[in-house]
Amino acid sequence: MLYAAALSGSFFGIVLAYLAMLPLFGVGLALGVQPLVVAAVSAAAGIAVFGGLWPGILFGLTNALPVTLLVVLALQSRTWSDGNTYWYPAGRLVQVVSLWCAGSIVLVGLGLSVFGSGFETSVVGFIRSMAEALHSQGQPILNADAATGVAVLLPGIIAWSWMVMSTVNGLIGQSVLRRVGKNLRPTPRLSEVEVGPAWVAGFGVCALAGAALPGDLGFGAVNMAIVLAYPLFFQGLSVAHALFAHWGLGPLVIGLFYGVMVLLSWTALAVVALGLAEPLVRLRVRLAGRKNT
């Protein structure tokens, strides 16, 4: 029902559709994988019956399957020789979200390159057609040059929107379950987000390829780099919180930090830079002191 609310075309309906993953996360993180599979298949089948086959397939690919994968991984745990139980790391969960979008970009790019007019050409043409349609309605929001500039980053922007949506829904679901005592795993902490050097290297390769390669290869590499920056952003947030704790800054300053980041979205680049540098400078370890490994 939440997913189908977007069909109304209203802003409130779109907001409701943004929360379509939340019931699935709630079922999976409280009851386990098997009830989640039943819920996911039922939801996809219901959308296919009442909304059409393609909306049902789209729901399955963008909601049901990724939520199921994330819950399966999130509920994995191991009891180590020290007697402690260790759950699937928060950093790897964020990386899985990023890899899902990266794989989607690769598949869409290959499809448009083989069966369409090309990845970049198709996206630029789509944005320009939208800009022309808005211009004909008296809403000249984008000119042709601006539309081309937006198109260069569009797949990555869409991916970030989906990644934020999935992360927010998962965190809300886990938070509600923790409050009522129904969560199957402990809530991951932001300080636990760890992105290793291999991920940083992959981001760097995509960024360099995007700058050096022409055509669809460069276009795809740029957007892959944007997607791979998502876990680095969370690692950067972890570093920022470590700095706040080291300096003794309270909730007011932290809230102001997030408020500025929402209002000035470009400041997120500084957070990504923090996350990018962390595997090299190990700032969190320096601030926390030497740890027993």
C-alpha atoms as a PDB file:
ATOM      1  CA  MET A   1       0.000   0.000   0.000  1.00  0.00           C
ATOM      2  CA  LEU A   2       2.864   2.386   0.766  1.00  0.00           C
ATOM      3  CA  TYR A   3       4.505   1.655  -2.583  1.00  0.00           C
ATOM      4  CA  ALA A   4       1.243   2.049  -4.487  1.00  0.00           C
ATOM      5  CA  ALA A   5       0.655   5.445  -2.834  1.00  0.00           C
ATOM      6  CA  ALA A   6       3.075   7.002  -5.339  1.00  0.00           C
ATOM      7  CA  LEU A   7       0.602   6.240  -8.122  1.00  0.00           C
ATOM      8  CA  SER A   8      -1.611   9.022  -6.789  1.00  0.00           C
ATOM      9  CA  GLY A   9       0.962  11.546  -8.017  1.00  0.00           C
ATOM     10  CA  SER A  10       0.668  13.640  -4.851  1.00  0.00           C
ATOM     11  CA  PHE A  11       3.648  14.702  -2.746  1.00  0.00           C
ATOM     12  CA  PHE A  12       2.248  12.861   0.285  1.00  0.00           C
ATOM     13  CA  GLY A  13       1.921   9.707  -1.793  1.00  0.00           C
ATOM     14  CA  ILE A  14       5.569   9.930  -2.847  1.00  0.00           C
ATOM     15  CA  VAL A  15       6.610  10.353   0.805  1.00  0.00           C
ATOM     16  CA  LEU A  16       4.628   7.234   1.728  1.00  0.00           C
ATOM     17  CA  ALA A  17       6.251   5.287  -1.116  1.00  0.00           C
ATOM     18  CA  TYR A  18       9.647   6.313   0.292  1.00  0.00           C
ATOM     19  CA  LEU A  19       8.770   4.220   3.380  1.00  0.00           C
ATOM     20  CA  ALA A  20       7.783   1.088   1.443  1.00  0.00           C
ATOM     21  CA  MET A  21      10.853  -0.797   2.705  1.00  0.00           C
ATOM     22  CA  LEU A  22      10.052  -0.098   6.354  1.00  0.00           C
ATOM     23  CA  PRO A  23       7.467  -2.891   6.930  1.00  0.00           C
ATOM     24  CA  LEU A  24       9.797  -5.392   5.231  1.00  0.00           C
ATOM     25  CA  PHE A  25      12.713  -4.399   7.460  1.00  0.00           C
ATOM     26  CA  GLY A  26      10.393  -4.592  10.469  1.00  0.00           C
ATOM     27  CA  VAL A  27       9.321  -8.149   9.653  1.00  0.00           C
ATOM     28  CA  GLY A  28      12.831  -9.354   8.844  1.00  0.00           C
ATOM     29  CA  LEU A  29      14.674  -7.774  11.764  1.00  0.00           C
ATOM     30  CA  ALA A  30      12.013  -8.921  14.253  1.00  0.00           C
ATOM     31  CA  LEU A  31      10.878 -12.324  12.957  1.00  0.00           C
ATOM     32  CA  GLY A  32      13.673 -13.563  10.722  1.00  0.00           C
ATOM     33  CA  VAL A  33      14.282 -14.390   7.079  1.00  0.00           C
ATOM     34  CA  GLN A  34      11.448 -16.849   6.360  1.00  0.00           C
ATOM     35  CA  PRO A  35       8.619 -14.489   7.437  1.00  0.00           C
ATOM     36  CA  LEU A  36      10.374 -11.723   5.486  1.00  0.00           C
ATOM     37  CA  VAL A  37      10.376 -13.842   2.308  1.00  0.00           C
ATOM     38  CA  VAL A  38       6.638 -14.452   2.735  1.00  0.00           C
ATOM     39  CA  ALA A  39       6.033 -10.724   3.245  1.00  0.00           C
ATOM     40  CA  ALA A  40       8.225  -9.705   0.285  1.00  0.00           C
ATOM     41  CA  VAL A  41       6.663 -12.193  -2.138  1.00  0.00           C
ATOM     42  CA  SER A  42       3.158 -11.254  -0.975  1.00  0.00           C
ATOM     43  CA  ALA A  43       3.853  -7.552  -1.446  1.00  0.00           C
ATOM     44  CA  ALA A  44       5.372  -8.012  -4.915  1.00  0.00           C
ATOM     45  CA  ALA A  45       2.506 -10.282  -5.982  1.00  0.00           C
ATOM     46  CA  GLY A  46      -0.083  -7.828  -4.658  1.00  0.00           C
ATOM     47  CA  ILE A  47       1.474  -4.952  -6.577  1.00  0.00           C
ATOM     48  CA  ALA A  48       1.671  -7.083  -9.737  1.00  0.00           C
ATOM     49  CA  VAL A  49      -2.010  -8.074  -9.453  1.00  0.00           C
ATOM     50  CA  PHE A  50      -3.423  -4.641  -8.715  1.00  0.00           C
ATOM     51  CA  GLY A  51      -0.832  -2.378 -10.381  1.00  0.00           C
ATOM     52  CA  GLY A  52       0.544  -4.443 -13.250  1.00  0.00           C
ATOM     53  CA  LEU A  53       3.393  -6.869 -13.871  1.00  0.00           C
ATOM     54  CA  TRP A  54       6.138  -4.295 -14.379  1.00  0.00           C
ATOM     55  CA  PRO A  55       5.414  -2.361 -11.150  1.00  0.00           C
ATOM     56  CA  GLY A  56       5.528  -5.688  -9.324  1.00  0.00           C
ATOM     57  CA  ILE A  57       8.877  -6.571 -10.898  1.00  0.00           C
ATOM     58  CA  LEU A  58      10.219  -3.083 -10.144  1.00  0.00           C
ATOM     59  CA  PHE A  59       9.126  -3.416  -6.507  1.00  0.00           C
ATOM     60  CA  GLY A  60      10.885  -6.754  -6.288  1.00  0.00           C
ATOM     61  CA  LEU A  61      14.159  -5.394  -7.695  1.00  0.00           C
ATOM     62  CA  THR A  62      14.207  -2.109  -5.758  1.00  0.00           C
ATOM     63  CA  ASN A  63      12.591  -3.137  -2.465  1.00  0.00           C
ATOM     64  CA  ALA A  64      11.917  -6.826  -1.816  1.00  0.00           C
ATOM     65  CA  LEU A  65      15.206  -8.377  -3.014  1.00  0.00           C
ATOM     66  CA  PRO A  66      17.639  -5.824  -1.534  1.00  0.00           C
ATOM     67  CA  VAL A  67      15.833  -5.779   1.832  1.00  0.00           C
ATOM     68  CA  THR A  68      15.913  -9.586   1.949  1.00  0.00           C
ATOM     69  CA  LEU A  69      19.637  -9.623   1.141  1.00  0.00           C
ATOM     70  CA  LEU A  70      20.413  -6.974   3.774  1.00  0.00           C
ATOM     71  CA  VAL A  71      18.390  -8.758   6.469  1.00  0.00           C
ATOM     72  CA  VAL A  72      20.015 -12.122   5.671  1.00  0.00           C
ATOM     73  CA  LEU A  73      23.436 -10.532   6.142  1.00  0.00           C
ATOM     74  CA  ALA A  74      22.449  -8.385   9.134  1.00  0.00           C
ATOM     75  CA  LEU A  75      21.248 -11.437  11.080  1.00  0.00           C
ATOM     76  CA  GLN A  76      24.507 -13.334  10.601  1.00  0.00           C
ATOM     77  CA  SER A  77      26.605 -13.669  13.755  1.00  0.00           C
ATOM     78  CA  ARG A  78      29.523 -15.660  15.129  1.00  0.00           C
ATOM     79  CA  THR A  79      30.494 -16.463  18.691  1.00  0.00           C
ATOM     80  CA  TRP A  80      34.266 -16.128  18.940  1.00  0.00           C
ATOM     81  CA  SER A  81      36.675 -17.912  21.235  1.00  0.00           C
ATOM     82  CA  ASP A  82      36.532 -14.975  23.670  1.00  0.00           C
ATOM     83  CA  GLY A  83      32.872 -15.764  24.332  1.00  0.00           C
ATOM     84  CA  ASN A  84      31.543 -12.631  22.616  1.00  0.00           C
ATOM     85  CA  THR A  85      29.053 -12.675  19.762  1.00  0.00           C
ATOM     86  CA  TYR A  86      30.023 -10.628  16.723  1.00  0.00           C
ATOM     87  CA  TRP A  87      27.374  -9.557  14.214  1.00  0.00           C
ATOM     88  CA  TYR A  88      27.773  -8.796  10.530  1.00  0.00           C
ATOM     89  CA  PRO A  89      29.706  -5.486  10.415  1.00  0.00           C
ATOM     90  CA  ALA A  90      27.851  -2.235   9.850  1.00  0.00           C
ATOM     91  CA  GLY A  91      30.429  -1.090   7.312  1.00  0.00           C
ATOM     92  CA  ARG A  92      29.869  -4.136   5.135  1.00  0.00           C
ATOM     93  CA  LEU A  93      26.102  -3.624   5.216  1.00  0.00           C
ATOM     94  CA  VAL A  94      26.619  -0.115   3.822  1.00  0.00           C
ATOM     95  CA  GLN A  95      28.991  -1.536   1.226  1.00  0.00           C
ATOM     96  CA  VAL A  96      26.366  -4.084   0.127  1.00  0.00           C
ATOM     97  CA  VAL A  97      23.878  -1.238  -0.383  1.00  0.00           C
ATOM     98  CA  SER A  98      26.456   0.535  -2.535  1.00  0.00           C
ATOM     99  CA  LEU A  99      27.321  -2.594  -4.514  1.00  0.00           C
ATOM    100  CA  TRP A 100      23.627  -3.208  -5.281  1.00  0.00           C
ATOM    101  CA  CYS A 101      23.448   0.217  -6.953  1.00  0.00           C
ATOM    102  CA  ALA A 102      26.806  -0.238  -8.657  1.00  0.00           C
ATOM    103  CA  GLY A 103      25.605  -3.501 -10.173  1.00  0.00           C
ATOM    104  CA  SER A 104      22.384  -1.822 -11.295  1.00  0.00           C
ATOM    105  CA  ILE A 105      24.328   0.955 -13.033  1.00  0.00           C
ATOM    106  CA  VAL A 106      26.484  -1.613 -14.830  1.00  0.00           C
ATOM    107  CA  LEU A 107      23.440  -3.575 -16.033  1.00  0.00           C
ATOM    108  CA  VAL A 108      21.538  -0.469 -17.148  1.00  0.00           C
ATOM    109  CA  GLY A 109      24.631   0.921 -18.846  1.00  0.00           C
ATOM    110  CA  LEU A 110      25.256  -2.318 -20.738  1.00  0.00           C
ATOM    111  CA  GLY A 111      21.604  -2.549 -21.734  1.00  0.00           C
ATOM    112  CA  LEU A 112      21.496   1.002 -23.097  1.00  0.00           C
ATOM    113  CA  SER A 113      24.843   0.573 -24.854  1.00  0.00           C
ATOM    114  CA  VAL A 114      23.847  -2.686 -26.554  1.00  0.00           C
ATOM    115  CA  PHE A 115      20.140  -2.168 -27.216  1.00  0.00           C
ATOM    116  CA  GLY A 116      19.832   1.630 -27.099  1.00  0.00           C
ATOM    117  CA  SER A 117      21.670   4.684 -28.350  1.00  0.00           C
ATOM    118  CA  GLY A 118      24.291   4.489 -25.602  1.00  0.00           C
ATOM    119  CA  PHE A 119      24.374   5.026 -21.843  1.00  0.00           C
ATOM    120  CA  GLU A 120      25.361   8.698 -21.797  1.00  0.00           C
ATOM    121  CA  THR A 121      23.342   9.632 -24.902  1.00  0.00           C
ATOM    122  CA  SER A 122      20.191   8.025 -23.491  1.00  0.00           C
ATOM    123  CA  VAL A 123      20.477   9.779 -20.129  1.00  0.00           C
ATOM    124  CA  VAL A 124      21.267  13.161 -21.707  1.00  0.00           C
ATOM    125  CA  GLY A 125      18.345  12.761 -24.113  1.00  0.00           C
ATOM    126  CA  PHE A 126      16.011  11.894 -21.239  1.00  0.00           C
ATOM    127  CA  ILE A 127      17.003  14.978 -19.218  1.00  0.00           C
ATOM    128  CA  ARG A 128      16.771  17.279 -22.245  1.00  0.00           C
ATOM    129  CA  SER A 129      13.301  15.978 -23.119  1.00  0.00           C
ATOM    130  CA  MET A 130      12.196  16.685 -19.553  1.00  0.00           C
ATOM    131  CA  ALA A 131      13.697  20.175 -19.695  1.00  0.00           C
ATOM    132  CA  GLU A 132      11.923  20.894 -22.987  1.00  0.00           C
ATOM    133  CA  ALA A 133       8.620  19.610 -21.595  1.00  0.00           C
ATOM    134  CA  LEU A 134       8.930  21.883 -18.551  1.00  0.00           C
ATOM    135  CA  HIS A 135       9.921  24.806 -20.790  1.00  0.00           C
ATOM    136  CA  SER A 136       6.826  24.293 -22.962  1.00  0.00           C
ATOM    137  CA  GLN A 137       4.691  24.483 -19.801  1.00  0.00           C
ATOM    138  CA  GLY A 138       6.214  27.822 -18.854  1.00  0.00           C
ATOM    139  CA  GLN A 139       8.682  26.369 -16.325  1.00  0.00           C
ATOM    140  CA  PRO A 140      12.159  26.960 -17.774  1.00  0.00           C
ATOM    141  CA  ILE A 141      13.956  25.225 -14.893  1.00  0.00           C
ATOM    142  CA  LEU A 142      16.831  23.851 -16.998  1.00  0.00           C
ATOM    143  CA  ASN A 143      18.389  25.002 -20.253  1.00  0.00           C
ATOM    144  CA  ALA A 144      20.128  22.579 -22.606  1.00  0.00           C
ATOM    145  CA  ASP A 145      23.602  23.074 -21.126  1.00  0.00           C
ATOM    146  CA  ALA A 146      22.394  22.722 -17.547  1.00  0.00           C
ATOM    147  CA  ALA A 147      20.431  19.625 -18.510  1.00  0.00           C
ATOM    148  CA  THR A 148      23.584  18.038 -19.926  1.00  0.00           C
ATOM    149  CA  GLY A 149      25.480  18.859 -16.738  1.00  0.00           C
ATOM    150  CA  VAL A 150      22.777  17.239 -14.595  1.00  0.00           C
ATOM    151  CA  ALA A 151      22.668  14.182 -16.846  1.00  0.00           C
ATOM    152  CA  VAL A 152      26.355  13.461 -16.228  1.00  0.00           C
ATOM    153  CA  LEU A 153      25.593  12.825 -12.541  1.00  0.00           C
ATOM    154  CA  LEU A 154      21.996  11.595 -12.800  1.00  0.00           C
ATOM    155  CA  PRO A 155      22.552   7.817 -12.325  1.00  0.00           C
ATOM    156  CA  GLY A 156      24.711   8.489  -9.284  1.00  0.00           C
ATOM    157  CA  ILE A 157      22.200  10.951  -7.839  1.00  0.00           C
ATOM    158  CA  ILE A 158      19.354   8.461  -8.270  1.00  0.00           C
ATOM    159  CA  ALA A 159      21.513   5.768  -6.667  1.00  0.00           C
ATOM    160  CA  TRP A 160      22.268   7.995  -3.666  1.00  0.00           C
ATOM    161  CA  SER A 161      18.558   8.689  -3.233  1.00  0.00           C
ATOM    162  CA  TRP A 162      17.843   4.946  -3.168  1.00  0.00           C
ATOM    163  CA  MET A 163      20.766   4.196  -0.845  1.00  0.00           C
ATOM    164  CA  VAL A 164      19.672   6.877   1.623  1.00  0.00           C
ATOM    165  CA  MET A 165      16.106   5.546   1.419  1.00  0.00           C
ATOM    166  CA  SER A 166      17.159   1.969   2.201  1.00  0.00           C
ATOM    167  CA  THR A 167      19.497   3.050   5.002  1.00  0.00           C
ATOM    168  CA  VAL A 168      16.922   5.311   6.652  1.00  0.00           C
ATOM    169  CA  ASN A 169      14.208   2.650   6.469  1.00  0.00           C
ATOM    170  CA  GLY A 170      16.509   0.019   7.968  1.00  0.00           C
ATOM    171  CA  LEU A 171      17.609   2.307  10.796  1.00  0.00           C
ATOM    172  CA  ILE A 172      14.027   3.356  11.592  1.00  0.00           C
ATOM    173  CA  GLY A 173      12.861  -0.255  11.614  1.00  0.00           C
ATOM    174  CA  GLN A 174      15.718  -1.344  13.891  1.00  0.00           C
ATOM    175  CA  SER A 175      15.170   1.643  16.219  1.00  0.00           C
ATOM    176  CA  VAL A 176      11.450   0.908  16.631  1.00  0.00           C
ATOM    177  CA  LEU A 177      12.110  -2.787  17.264  1.00  0.00           C
ATOM    178  CA  ARG A 178      14.810  -1.987  19.823  1.00  0.00           C
ATOM    179  CA  ARG A 179      12.434   0.272  21.729  1.00  0.00           C
ATOM    180  CA  VAL A 180       9.820  -2.475  22.000  1.00  0.00           C
ATOM    181  CA  GLY A 181      12.403  -5.196  22.641  1.00  0.00           C
ATOM    182  CA  LYS A 182      11.752  -7.185  19.444  1.00  0.00           C
ATOM    183  CA  ASN A 183      15.080  -6.725  17.634  1.00  0.00           C
ATOM    184  CA  LEU A 184      16.979  -9.922  16.801  1.00  0.00           C
ATOM    185  CA  ARG A 185      20.377  -8.189  16.607  1.00  0.00           C
ATOM    186  CA  PRO A 186      21.880  -5.223  18.454  1.00  0.00           C
ATOM    187  CA  THR A 187      21.745  -1.871  16.702  1.00  0.00           C
ATOM    188  CA  PRO A 188      24.973  -1.107  14.777  1.00  0.00           C
ATOM    189  CA  ARG A 189      26.843   1.957  15.920  1.00  0.00           C
ATOM    190  CA  LEU A 190      28.132   4.637  13.579  1.00  0.00           C
ATOM    191  CA  SER A 191      31.582   4.248  15.103  1.00  0.00           C
ATOM    192  CA  GLU A 192      31.643   0.652  13.805  1.00  0.00           C
ATOM    193  CA  VAL A 193      31.521   1.655  10.134  1.00  0.00           C
ATOM    194  CA  GLU A 194      34.834   0.493   8.669  1.00  0.00           C
ATOM    195  CA  VAL A 195      35.774   0.793   4.994  1.00  0.00           C
ATOM    196  CA  GLY A 196      39.087  -0.791   4.110  1.00  0.00           C
ATOM    197  CA  PRO A 197      41.853   0.294   1.724  1.00  0.00           C
ATOM    198  CA  ALA A 198      40.560  -1.994  -1.044  1.00  0.00           C
ATOM    199  CA  TRP A 199      37.309  -0.031  -1.216  1.00  0.00           C
ATOM    200  CA  VAL A 200      39.215   3.260  -1.288  1.00  0.00           C
ATOM    201  CA  ALA A 201      41.336   1.895  -4.134  1.00  0.00           C
ATOM    202  CA  GLY A 202      38.220   0.878  -6.070  1.00  0.00           C
ATOM    203  CA  PHE A 203      36.790   4.366  -5.627  1.00  0.00           C
ATOM    204  CA  GLY A 204      40.056   5.903  -6.815  1.00  0.00           C
ATOM    205  CA  VAL A 205      40.208   3.696  -9.911  1.00  0.00           C
ATOM    206  CA  CYS A 206      36.632   4.631 -10.886  1.00  0.00           C
ATOM    207  CA  ALA A 207      37.300   8.338 -10.293  1.00  0.00           C
ATOM    208  CA  LEU A 208      40.463   8.282 -12.422  1.00  0.00           C
ATOM    209  CA  ALA A 209      38.766   6.245 -15.153  1.00  0.00           C
ATOM    210  CA  GLY A 210      35.871   8.695 -15.190  1.00  0.00           C
ATOM    211  CA  ALA A 211      38.279  11.575 -15.758  1.00  0.00           C
ATOM    212  CA  ALA A 212      40.399   9.792 -18.385  1.00  0.00           C
ATOM    213  CA  LEU A 213      38.022   7.631 -20.424  1.00  0.00           C
ATOM    214  CA  PRO A 214      35.701   9.043 -23.079  1.00  0.00           C
ATOM    215  CA  GLY A 215      32.109   8.138 -23.911  1.00  0.00           C
ATOM    216  CA  ASP A 216      30.051   5.583 -22.061  1.00  0.00           C
ATOM    217  CA  LEU A 217      33.034   4.111 -20.211  1.00  0.00           C
ATOM    218  CA  GLY A 218      33.940   7.435 -18.629  1.00  0.00           C
ATOM    219  CA  PHE A 219      30.288   8.269 -17.983  1.00  0.00           C
ATOM    220  CA  GLY A 220      29.739   4.948 -16.228  1.00  0.00           C
ATOM    221  CA  ALA A 221      32.974   5.232 -14.236  1.00  0.00           C
ATOM    222  CA  VAL A 222      32.052   8.694 -12.922  1.00  0.00           C
ATOM    223  CA  ASN A 223      28.719   7.439 -11.650  1.00  0.00           C
ATOM    224  CA  MET A 224      30.294   4.298 -10.214  1.00  0.00           C
ATOM    225  CA  ALA A 225      32.662   6.536  -8.232  1.00  0.00           C
ATOM    226  CA  ILE A 226      29.665   8.514  -6.935  1.00  0.00           C
ATOM    227  CA  VAL A 227      28.025   5.287  -5.760  1.00  0.00           C
ATOM    228  CA  LEU A 228      31.216   3.929  -4.170  1.00  0.00           C
ATOM    229  CA  ALA A 229      31.545   7.184  -2.209  1.00  0.00           C
ATOM    230  CA  TYR A 230      28.477   6.265  -0.129  1.00  0.00           C
ATOM    231  CA  PRO A 231      30.283   3.981   2.395  1.00  0.00           C
ATOM    232  CA  LEU A 232      33.111   6.534   2.542  1.00  0.00           C
ATOM    233  CA  PHE A 233      30.534   9.132   3.539  1.00  0.00           C
ATOM    234  CA  PHE A 234      29.471   7.006   6.523  1.00  0.00           C
ATOM    235  CA  GLN A 235      33.071   6.378   7.497  1.00  0.00           C
ATOM    236  CA  GLY A 236      33.574  10.137   7.339  1.00  0.00           C
ATOM    237  CA  LEU A 237      30.585  10.622   9.657  1.00  0.00           C
ATOM    238  CA  SER A 238      32.177   8.150  12.053  1.00  0.00           C
ATOM    239  CA  VAL A 239      35.406  10.165  12.027  1.00  0.00           C
ATOM    240  CA  ALA A 240      33.461  13.401  12.554  1.00  0.00           C
ATOM    241  CA  HIS A 241      31.684  11.937  15.589  1.00  0.00           C
ATOM    242  CA  ALA A 242      35.029  10.766  16.973  1.00  0.00           C
ATOM    243  CA  LEU A 243      36.290  14.338  16.656  1.00  0.00           C
ATOM    244  CA  PHE A 244      33.171  15.713  18.359  1.00  0.00           C
ATOM    245  CA  ALA A 245      33.637  13.285  21.252  1.00  0.00           C
ATOM    246  CA  HIS A 246      37.359  14.134  21.499  1.00  0.00           C
ATOM    247  CA  TRP A 247      36.581  17.852  21.648  1.00  0.00           C
ATOM    248  CA  GLY A 248      33.727  17.346  24.114  1.00  0.00           C
ATOM    249  CA  LEU A 249      31.092  18.825  21.819  1.00  0.00           C
ATOM    250  CA  GLY A 250      27.482  18.096  22.745  1.00  0.00           C
ATOM    251  CA  PRO A 251      24.252  17.282  20.860  1.00  0.00           C
ATOM    252  CA  LEU A 252      23.653  20.931  19.948  1.00  0.00           C
ATOM    253  CA  VAL A 253      26.830  21.153  17.859  1.00  0.00           C
ATOM    254  CA  ILE A 254      26.200  17.737  16.315  1.00  0.00           C
ATOM    255  CA  GLY A 255      22.663  18.771  15.370  1.00  0.00           C
ATOM    256  CA  LEU A 256      24.039  22.001  13.860  1.00  0.00           C
ATOM    257  CA  PHE A 257      26.560  19.938  11.880  1.00  0.00           C
ATOM    258  CA  TYR A 258      23.811  17.797  10.347  1.00  0.00           C
ATOM    259  CA  GLY A 259      21.622  20.848   9.743  1.00  0.00           C
ATOM    260  CA  VAL A 260      24.385  22.569   7.778  1.00  0.00           C
ATOM    261  CA  MET A 261      24.976  19.389   5.778  1.00  0.00           C
ATOM    262  CA  VAL A 262      21.276  19.201   4.851  1.00  0.00           C
ATOM    263  CA  LEU A 263      21.124  22.865   3.830  1.00  0.00           C
ATOM    264  CA  LEU A 264      24.510  22.872   2.069  1.00  0.00           C
ATOM    265  CA  SER A 265      24.688  19.459   0.451  1.00  0.00           C
ATOM    266  CA  TRP A 266      28.142  20.136  -1.003  1.00  0.00           C
ATOM    267  CA  THR A 267      29.560  19.904   2.536  1.00  0.00           C
ATOM    268  CA  ALA A 268      28.985  16.138   2.252  1.00  0.00           C
ATOM    269  CA  LEU A 269      32.072  16.130  -0.001  1.00  0.00           C
ATOM    270  CA  ALA A 270      34.184  17.120   3.007  1.00  0.00           C
ATOM    271  CA  VAL A 271      32.720  14.190   4.955  1.00  0.00           C
ATOM    272  CA  VAL A 272      33.535  11.833   2.060  1.00  0.00           C
ATOM    273  CA  ALA A 273      37.095  13.224   2.080  1.00  0.00           C
ATOM    274  CA  LEU A 274      37.359  12.390   5.795  1.00  0.00           C
ATOM    275  CA  GLY A 275      36.223   8.856   5.096  1.00  0.00           C
ATOM    276  CA  LEU A 276      38.604   8.582   2.148  1.00  0.00           C
ATOM    277  CA  ALA A 277      41.591   9.600   4.259  1.00  0.00           C
ATOM    278  CA  GLU A 278      40.738   7.480   7.314  1.00  0.00           C
ATOM    279  CA  PRO A 279      42.361   4.175   6.172  1.00  0.00           C
ATOM    280  CA  LEU A 280      45.616   6.089   5.773  1.00  0.00           C
ATOM    281  CA  VAL A 281      45.639   8.475   8.755  1.00  0.00           C
ATOM    282  CA  ARG A 282      43.710   6.185  11.191  1.00  0.00           C
ATOM    283  CA  LEU A 283      42.372   9.231  13.029  1.00  0.00           C
ATOM    284  CA  ARG A 284      39.762   7.292  15.018  1.00  0.00           C
ATOM    285  CA  VAL A 285      42.422   4.968  16.414  1.00  0.00           C
ATOM    286  CA  ARG A 286      44.612   7.938  17.315  1.00  0.00           C
ATOM    287  CA  LEU A 287      41.754   9.658  19.117  1.00  0.00           C
ATOM    288  CA  ALA A 288      40.628   6.532  20.943  1.00  0.00           C
ATOM    289  CA  GLY A 289      44.138   5.514  21.977  1.00  0.00           C
ATOM    290  CA  ARG A 290      45.862   2.197  21.430  1.00  0.00           C
ATOM    291  CA  LYS A 291      43.458  -0.744  21.320  1.00  0.00           C
ATOM    292  CA  ASN A 292      44.052  -4.401  22.132  1.00  0.00           C
ATOM    293  CA  THR A 293      43.661  -6.344  18.854  1.00  0.00           C
END
